[in-house]
Amino acid sequence: MYHFFKRIFDLLFSFIGLVFLIPLYLFIRLLYICTGDFHRIIFIQTRIGKNGKPFKFYKFRTMVINADEELRKLLKEPKYNNEYTKNHKFNHDPRITKAGKIIRRLSLDEFPQFINIFIGQMSMVGNRPYLLDEKKNIREKDFRVIVKTKPGLTGFWQAHLRSRGTFEDRIRMDLFYSENASFFLDTKIFLYTFTTIFKKSSAK
């Protein structure tokens, strides 16, 4: 019953999100053109889905077009290497573009994932999908628990820590979600995420 109604919820909200996706695409395209960036604005990456199955993950691009190459350069510097090794991300990523800073501040970069949700690869609430390379940093028994659930647009870790905390913190919180997924927990995470985004936007 939980999974049936969760899918109905996902279809409803992803359909609403898709309605806004086309005008949002045009807005972001114009924003990039105004900053002198004429490259593609949809970023596609392979992520780990439910039961460990890979899928194509969509986002609005917020980084430079050659972000992976730039990452390899950054990791040669001890400052960035230490932070990335611990957290698997940067709190202040130098690869983010001028337009990307605006897109992230308004929390618009995740909108294309409504496509992933609508076709059933993701859910509105779940663990954020991991990169393929990150699997080797997760214990096998933990990985099997985490991928029992569909990855989500937002999740327990995403709502509470987001850019803070370590990679181990993320794994711990993802395990908690996968072992305790329910209507109540999903609703709590969804509402907390919504209010956090609203407060962050209002503060700017």
C-alpha atoms as a PDB file:
ATOM      1  CA  MET A   1       0.000   0.000   0.000  1.00  0.00           C
ATOM      2  CA  TYR A   2       2.838   2.405   0.902  1.00  0.00           C
ATOM      3  CA  HIS A   3       4.601   1.893  -2.429  1.00  0.00           C
ATOM      4  CA  PHE A   4       1.360   2.238  -4.437  1.00  0.00           C
ATOM      5  CA  PHE A   5       0.404   5.584  -2.911  1.00  0.00           C
ATOM      6  CA  LYS A   6       3.991   6.803  -3.027  1.00  0.00           C
ATOM      7  CA  ARG A   7       3.994   6.186  -6.794  1.00  0.00           C
ATOM      8  CA  ILE A   8       0.734   8.131  -7.177  1.00  0.00           C
ATOM      9  CA  PHE A   9       2.287  10.974  -5.176  1.00  0.00           C
ATOM     10  CA  ASP A  10       5.400  10.862  -7.391  1.00  0.00           C
ATOM     11  CA  LEU A  11       3.357  10.963 -10.615  1.00  0.00           C
ATOM     12  CA  LEU A  12       1.266  13.884  -9.402  1.00  0.00           C
ATOM     13  CA  PHE A  13       4.160  16.079  -8.296  1.00  0.00           C
ATOM     14  CA  SER A  14       6.448  15.149 -11.184  1.00  0.00           C
ATOM     15  CA  PHE A  15       3.697  16.069 -13.673  1.00  0.00           C
ATOM     16  CA  ILE A  16       3.363  19.484 -12.025  1.00  0.00           C
ATOM     17  CA  GLY A  17       7.156  19.862 -12.148  1.00  0.00           C
ATOM     18  CA  LEU A  18       7.261  18.966 -15.847  1.00  0.00           C
ATOM     19  CA  VAL A  19       4.710  21.681 -16.627  1.00  0.00           C
ATOM     20  CA  PHE A  20       7.197  24.269 -15.360  1.00  0.00           C
ATOM     21  CA  LEU A  21      10.258  22.625 -16.918  1.00  0.00           C
ATOM     22  CA  ILE A  22       9.991  24.134 -20.419  1.00  0.00           C
ATOM     23  CA  PRO A  23       9.688  27.821 -19.362  1.00  0.00           C
ATOM     24  CA  LEU A  24      12.372  27.185 -16.742  1.00  0.00           C
ATOM     25  CA  TYR A  25      14.638  25.702 -19.417  1.00  0.00           C
ATOM     26  CA  LEU A  26      14.220  28.866 -21.516  1.00  0.00           C
ATOM     27  CA  PHE A  27      14.956  31.089 -18.508  1.00  0.00           C
ATOM     28  CA  ILE A  28      18.145  29.189 -17.635  1.00  0.00           C
ATOM     29  CA  ARG A  29      19.265  29.109 -21.269  1.00  0.00           C
ATOM     30  CA  LEU A  30      18.904  32.905 -21.403  1.00  0.00           C
ATOM     31  CA  LEU A  31      20.720  33.245 -18.069  1.00  0.00           C
ATOM     32  CA  TYR A  32      23.706  31.305 -19.419  1.00  0.00           C
ATOM     33  CA  ILE A  33      23.752  33.270 -22.686  1.00  0.00           C
ATOM     34  CA  CYS A  34      23.816  36.518 -20.701  1.00  0.00           C
ATOM     35  CA  THR A  35      26.952  35.288 -18.891  1.00  0.00           C
ATOM     36  CA  GLY A  36      28.649  34.325 -22.167  1.00  0.00           C
ATOM     37  CA  ASP A  37      28.163  30.549 -21.790  1.00  0.00           C
ATOM     38  CA  PHE A  38      26.638  28.959 -24.918  1.00  0.00           C
ATOM     39  CA  HIS A  39      27.166  25.302 -24.000  1.00  0.00           C
ATOM     40  CA  ARG A  40      24.389  22.804 -23.246  1.00  0.00           C
ATOM     41  CA  ILE A  41      22.523  23.438 -20.005  1.00  0.00           C
ATOM     42  CA  ILE A  42      21.230  19.921 -19.286  1.00  0.00           C
ATOM     43  CA  PHE A  43      23.766  17.812 -17.417  1.00  0.00           C
ATOM     44  CA  ILE A  44      23.403  14.041 -17.806  1.00  0.00           C
ATOM     45  CA  GLN A  45      25.281  11.621 -15.568  1.00  0.00           C
ATOM     46  CA  THR A  46      25.035   7.918 -14.775  1.00  0.00           C
ATOM     47  CA  ARG A  47      23.978   7.329 -11.160  1.00  0.00           C
ATOM     48  CA  ILE A  48      23.104   4.268  -9.059  1.00  0.00           C
ATOM     49  CA  GLY A  49      19.372   3.522  -8.837  1.00  0.00           C
ATOM     50  CA  LYS A  50      17.158   1.057  -7.015  1.00  0.00           C
ATOM     51  CA  ASN A  51      18.713  -2.402  -6.547  1.00  0.00           C
ATOM     52  CA  GLY A  52      22.014  -0.985  -7.799  1.00  0.00           C
ATOM     53  CA  LYS A  53      20.785  -0.509 -11.378  1.00  0.00           C
ATOM     54  CA  PRO A  54      22.466   2.421 -13.186  1.00  0.00           C
ATOM     55  CA  PHE A  55      20.296   5.126 -14.774  1.00  0.00           C
ATOM     56  CA  LYS A  56      20.703   8.438 -16.580  1.00  0.00           C
ATOM     57  CA  PHE A  57      20.314  11.284 -14.099  1.00  0.00           C
ATOM     58  CA  TYR A  58      19.284  14.783 -15.261  1.00  0.00           C
ATOM     59  CA  LYS A  59      20.115  18.204 -13.809  1.00  0.00           C
ATOM     60  CA  PHE A  60      20.496  21.750 -15.010  1.00  0.00           C
ATOM     61  CA  ARG A  61      24.225  22.309 -15.406  1.00  0.00           C
ATOM     62  CA  THR A  62      25.682  24.574 -12.737  1.00  0.00           C
ATOM     63  CA  MET A  63      29.371  23.856 -13.362  1.00  0.00           C
ATOM     64  CA  VAL A  64      31.816  24.486 -16.173  1.00  0.00           C
ATOM     65  CA  ILE A  65      31.366  22.206 -19.181  1.00  0.00           C
ATOM     66  CA  ASN A  66      34.581  20.236 -18.453  1.00  0.00           C
ATOM     67  CA  ALA A  67      33.839  19.751 -14.724  1.00  0.00           C
ATOM     68  CA  ASP A  68      35.312  16.227 -14.520  1.00  0.00           C
ATOM     69  CA  GLU A  69      38.608  17.359 -16.025  1.00  0.00           C
ATOM     70  CA  GLU A  70      38.692  20.341 -13.675  1.00  0.00           C
ATOM     71  CA  LEU A  71      38.046  18.021 -10.728  1.00  0.00           C
ATOM     72  CA  ARG A  72      41.095  15.943 -11.591  1.00  0.00           C
ATOM     73  CA  LYS A  73      43.177  19.128 -11.609  1.00  0.00           C
ATOM     74  CA  LEU A  74      41.767  20.275  -8.266  1.00  0.00           C
ATOM     75  CA  LEU A  75      42.470  16.918  -6.635  1.00  0.00           C
ATOM     76  CA  LYS A  76      46.178  17.441  -7.293  1.00  0.00           C
ATOM     77  CA  GLU A  77      46.064  20.225  -4.700  1.00  0.00           C
ATOM     78  CA  PRO A  78      46.196  18.990  -1.060  1.00  0.00           C
ATOM     79  CA  LYS A  79      43.549  21.498   0.069  1.00  0.00           C
ATOM     80  CA  TYR A  80      40.911  20.197  -2.327  1.00  0.00           C
ATOM     81  CA  ASN A  81      42.062  16.578  -2.206  1.00  0.00           C
ATOM     82  CA  ASN A  82      41.639  16.363   1.576  1.00  0.00           C
ATOM     83  CA  GLU A  83      38.161  17.895   1.502  1.00  0.00           C
ATOM     84  CA  TYR A  84      36.951  15.706  -1.371  1.00  0.00           C
ATOM     85  CA  THR A  85      38.383  12.532   0.140  1.00  0.00           C
ATOM     86  CA  LYS A  86      36.465  13.176   3.366  1.00  0.00           C
ATOM     87  CA  ASN A  87      33.185  14.582   2.024  1.00  0.00           C
ATOM     88  CA  HIS A  88      33.074  13.581  -1.680  1.00  0.00           C
ATOM     89  CA  LYS A  89      32.157  17.200  -2.439  1.00  0.00           C
ATOM     90  CA  PHE A  90      33.360  20.774  -1.925  1.00  0.00           C
ATOM     91  CA  ASN A  91      31.553  23.266   0.291  1.00  0.00           C
ATOM     92  CA  HIS A  92      32.642  26.031  -2.098  1.00  0.00           C
ATOM     93  CA  ASP A  93      33.171  24.377  -5.460  1.00  0.00           C
ATOM     94  CA  PRO A  94      35.314  26.572  -7.765  1.00  0.00           C
ATOM     95  CA  ARG A  95      33.831  24.828 -10.814  1.00  0.00           C
ATOM     96  CA  ILE A  96      30.416  26.440 -10.341  1.00  0.00           C
ATOM     97  CA  THR A  97      29.593  29.029 -13.016  1.00  0.00           C
ATOM     98  CA  LYS A  98      28.165  32.532 -12.478  1.00  0.00           C
ATOM     99  CA  ALA A  99      24.768  31.356 -13.709  1.00  0.00           C
ATOM    100  CA  GLY A 100      25.156  28.162 -11.696  1.00  0.00           C
ATOM    101  CA  LYS A 101      25.418  30.133  -8.456  1.00  0.00           C
ATOM    102  CA  ILE A 102      22.057  31.766  -9.180  1.00  0.00           C
ATOM    103  CA  ILE A 103      20.465  28.461 -10.184  1.00  0.00           C
ATOM    104  CA  ARG A 104      21.664  26.766  -6.989  1.00  0.00           C
ATOM    105  CA  ARG A 105      20.655  29.671  -4.786  1.00  0.00           C
ATOM    106  CA  LEU A 106      17.106  29.396  -6.176  1.00  0.00           C
ATOM    107  CA  SER A 107      17.240  25.539  -5.934  1.00  0.00           C
ATOM    108  CA  LEU A 108      16.367  25.175  -9.632  1.00  0.00           C
ATOM    109  CA  ASP A 109      19.145  22.787 -10.675  1.00  0.00           C
ATOM    110  CA  GLU A 110      17.219  19.648  -9.643  1.00  0.00           C
ATOM    111  CA  PHE A 111      14.101  20.352 -11.752  1.00  0.00           C
ATOM    112  CA  PRO A 112      15.008  18.022 -14.680  1.00  0.00           C
ATOM    113  CA  GLN A 113      14.868  15.111 -12.218  1.00  0.00           C
ATOM    114  CA  PHE A 114      11.081  15.331 -12.493  1.00  0.00           C
ATOM    115  CA  ILE A 115      11.703  13.410 -15.737  1.00  0.00           C
ATOM    116  CA  ASN A 116      13.449  10.658 -13.753  1.00  0.00           C
ATOM    117  CA  ILE A 117      10.586  10.625 -11.244  1.00  0.00           C
ATOM    118  CA  PHE A 118       7.839  10.537 -13.867  1.00  0.00           C
ATOM    119  CA  ILE A 119       9.339   7.511 -15.641  1.00  0.00           C
ATOM    120  CA  GLY A 120       9.875   5.691 -12.336  1.00  0.00           C
ATOM    121  CA  GLN A 121      13.653   5.817 -11.916  1.00  0.00           C
ATOM    122  CA  MET A 122      13.465   8.121  -8.889  1.00  0.00           C
ATOM    123  CA  SER A 123      10.990   9.229  -6.250  1.00  0.00           C
ATOM    124  CA  MET A 124      10.181  12.595  -4.692  1.00  0.00           C
ATOM    125  CA  VAL A 125      11.654  11.325  -1.407  1.00  0.00           C
ATOM    126  CA  GLY A 126      14.485   8.817  -1.077  1.00  0.00           C
ATOM    127  CA  ASN A 127      18.254   8.644  -0.744  1.00  0.00           C
ATOM    128  CA  ARG A 128      20.103  10.915  -3.133  1.00  0.00           C
ATOM    129  CA  PRO A 129      21.554   8.759  -5.957  1.00  0.00           C
ATOM    130  CA  TYR A 130      25.222   7.898  -5.638  1.00  0.00           C
ATOM    131  CA  LEU A 131      27.880   8.214  -8.308  1.00  0.00           C
ATOM    132  CA  LEU A 132      29.178   4.945  -9.748  1.00  0.00           C
ATOM    133  CA  ASP A 133      32.643   5.630  -8.323  1.00  0.00           C
ATOM    134  CA  GLU A 134      31.227   6.139  -4.832  1.00  0.00           C
ATOM    135  CA  LYS A 135      30.105   2.521  -4.538  1.00  0.00           C
ATOM    136  CA  LYS A 136      33.653   1.417  -3.682  1.00  0.00           C
ATOM    137  CA  ASN A 137      33.561   3.683  -0.612  1.00  0.00           C
ATOM    138  CA  ILE A 138      30.422   2.048   0.798  1.00  0.00           C
ATOM    139  CA  ARG A 139      30.466  -1.242   2.694  1.00  0.00           C
ATOM    140  CA  GLU A 140      28.700  -3.954   0.690  1.00  0.00           C
ATOM    141  CA  LYS A 141      26.153  -4.720   3.409  1.00  0.00           C
ATOM    142  CA  ASP A 142      25.321  -1.012   3.731  1.00  0.00           C
ATOM    143  CA  PHE A 143      25.080  -0.610  -0.029  1.00  0.00           C
ATOM    144  CA  ARG A 144      22.531  -3.441  -0.295  1.00  0.00           C
ATOM    145  CA  VAL A 145      20.325  -1.740   2.303  1.00  0.00           C
ATOM    146  CA  ILE A 146      20.618   1.736   0.762  1.00  0.00           C
ATOM    147  CA  VAL A 147      19.604   0.649  -2.751  1.00  0.00           C
ATOM    148  CA  LYS A 148      16.482  -1.158  -1.513  1.00  0.00           C
ATOM    149  CA  THR A 149      14.667   2.147  -2.027  1.00  0.00           C
ATOM    150  CA  LYS A 150      14.429   4.361  -5.097  1.00  0.00           C
ATOM    151  CA  PRO A 151      16.740   7.363  -5.039  1.00  0.00           C
ATOM    152  CA  GLY A 152      14.932  10.632  -4.363  1.00  0.00           C
ATOM    153  CA  LEU A 153      14.808  14.269  -5.364  1.00  0.00           C
ATOM    154  CA  THR A 154      15.227  14.966  -1.674  1.00  0.00           C
ATOM    155  CA  GLY A 155      15.972  12.753   1.292  1.00  0.00           C
ATOM    156  CA  PHE A 156      16.809  12.528   4.969  1.00  0.00           C
ATOM    157  CA  TRP A 157      20.471  13.475   4.430  1.00  0.00           C
ATOM    158  CA  GLN A 158      19.680  16.085   1.775  1.00  0.00           C
ATOM    159  CA  ALA A 159      17.072  17.839   3.930  1.00  0.00           C
ATOM    160  CA  HIS A 160      19.096  17.930   7.148  1.00  0.00           C
ATOM    161  CA  LEU A 161      22.762  18.237   6.180  1.00  0.00           C
ATOM    162  CA  ARG A 162      23.000  18.911   2.434  1.00  0.00           C
ATOM    163  CA  SER A 163      26.437  20.546   1.963  1.00  0.00           C
ATOM    164  CA  ARG A 164      27.444  19.913   5.569  1.00  0.00           C
ATOM    165  CA  GLY A 165      28.666  16.668   7.105  1.00  0.00           C
ATOM    166  CA  THR A 166      30.946  13.910   5.869  1.00  0.00           C
ATOM    167  CA  PHE A 167      30.387  11.068   3.437  1.00  0.00           C
ATOM    168  CA  GLU A 168      30.036   8.725   6.409  1.00  0.00           C
ATOM    169  CA  ASP A 169      27.275  10.965   7.772  1.00  0.00           C
ATOM    170  CA  ARG A 170      25.458  10.598   4.473  1.00  0.00           C
ATOM    171  CA  ILE A 171      25.760   6.797   4.518  1.00  0.00           C
ATOM    172  CA  ARG A 172      24.506   6.655   8.102  1.00  0.00           C
ATOM    173  CA  MET A 173      21.460   8.800   7.320  1.00  0.00           C
ATOM    174  CA  ASP A 174      20.712   6.916   4.092  1.00  0.00           C
ATOM    175  CA  LEU A 175      20.750   3.645   6.005  1.00  0.00           C
ATOM    176  CA  PHE A 176      18.307   5.103   8.505  1.00  0.00           C
ATOM    177  CA  TYR A 177      15.927   6.138   5.715  1.00  0.00           C
ATOM    178  CA  SER A 178      16.057   2.808   3.867  1.00  0.00           C
ATOM    179  CA  GLU A 179      15.382   0.904   7.086  1.00  0.00           C
ATOM    180  CA  ASN A 180      12.543   3.215   8.214  1.00  0.00           C
ATOM    181  CA  ALA A 181      10.849   4.433   5.012  1.00  0.00           C
ATOM    182  CA  SER A 182       7.180   5.230   5.647  1.00  0.00           C
ATOM    183  CA  PHE A 183       4.424   7.733   4.820  1.00  0.00           C
ATOM    184  CA  PHE A 184       5.213   9.619   8.006  1.00  0.00           C
ATOM    185  CA  LEU A 185       8.963   9.876   7.360  1.00  0.00           C
ATOM    186  CA  ASP A 186       8.461  10.803   3.692  1.00  0.00           C
ATOM    187  CA  THR A 187       5.988  13.551   4.600  1.00  0.00           C
ATOM    188  CA  LYS A 188       8.296  14.908   7.300  1.00  0.00           C
ATOM    189  CA  ILE A 189      11.266  15.032   4.894  1.00  0.00           C
ATOM    190  CA  PHE A 190       9.185  16.570   2.096  1.00  0.00           C
ATOM    191  CA  LEU A 191       7.792  19.348   4.295  1.00  0.00           C
ATOM    192  CA  TYR A 192      11.176  20.018   5.921  1.00  0.00           C
ATOM    193  CA  THR A 193      12.796  20.331   2.484  1.00  0.00           C
ATOM    194  CA  PHE A 194      10.080  22.696   1.251  1.00  0.00           C
ATOM    195  CA  THR A 195      10.359  24.991   4.281  1.00  0.00           C
ATOM    196  CA  THR A 196      14.175  24.969   4.105  1.00  0.00           C
ATOM    197  CA  ILE A 197      14.147  26.026   0.433  1.00  0.00           C
ATOM    198  CA  PHE A 198      11.560  28.729   1.172  1.00  0.00           C
ATOM    199  CA  LYS A 199      13.569  30.120   4.079  1.00  0.00           C
ATOM    200  CA  LYS A 200      16.793  30.051   2.062  1.00  0.00           C
ATOM    201  CA  SER A 201      15.160  31.870  -0.878  1.00  0.00           C
ATOM    202  CA  SER A 202      13.535  34.446   1.414  1.00  0.00           C
ATOM    203  CA  ALA A 203      16.851  35.184   3.109  1.00  0.00           C
ATOM    204  CA  LYS A 204      18.515  36.205  -0.166  1.00  0.00           C
END
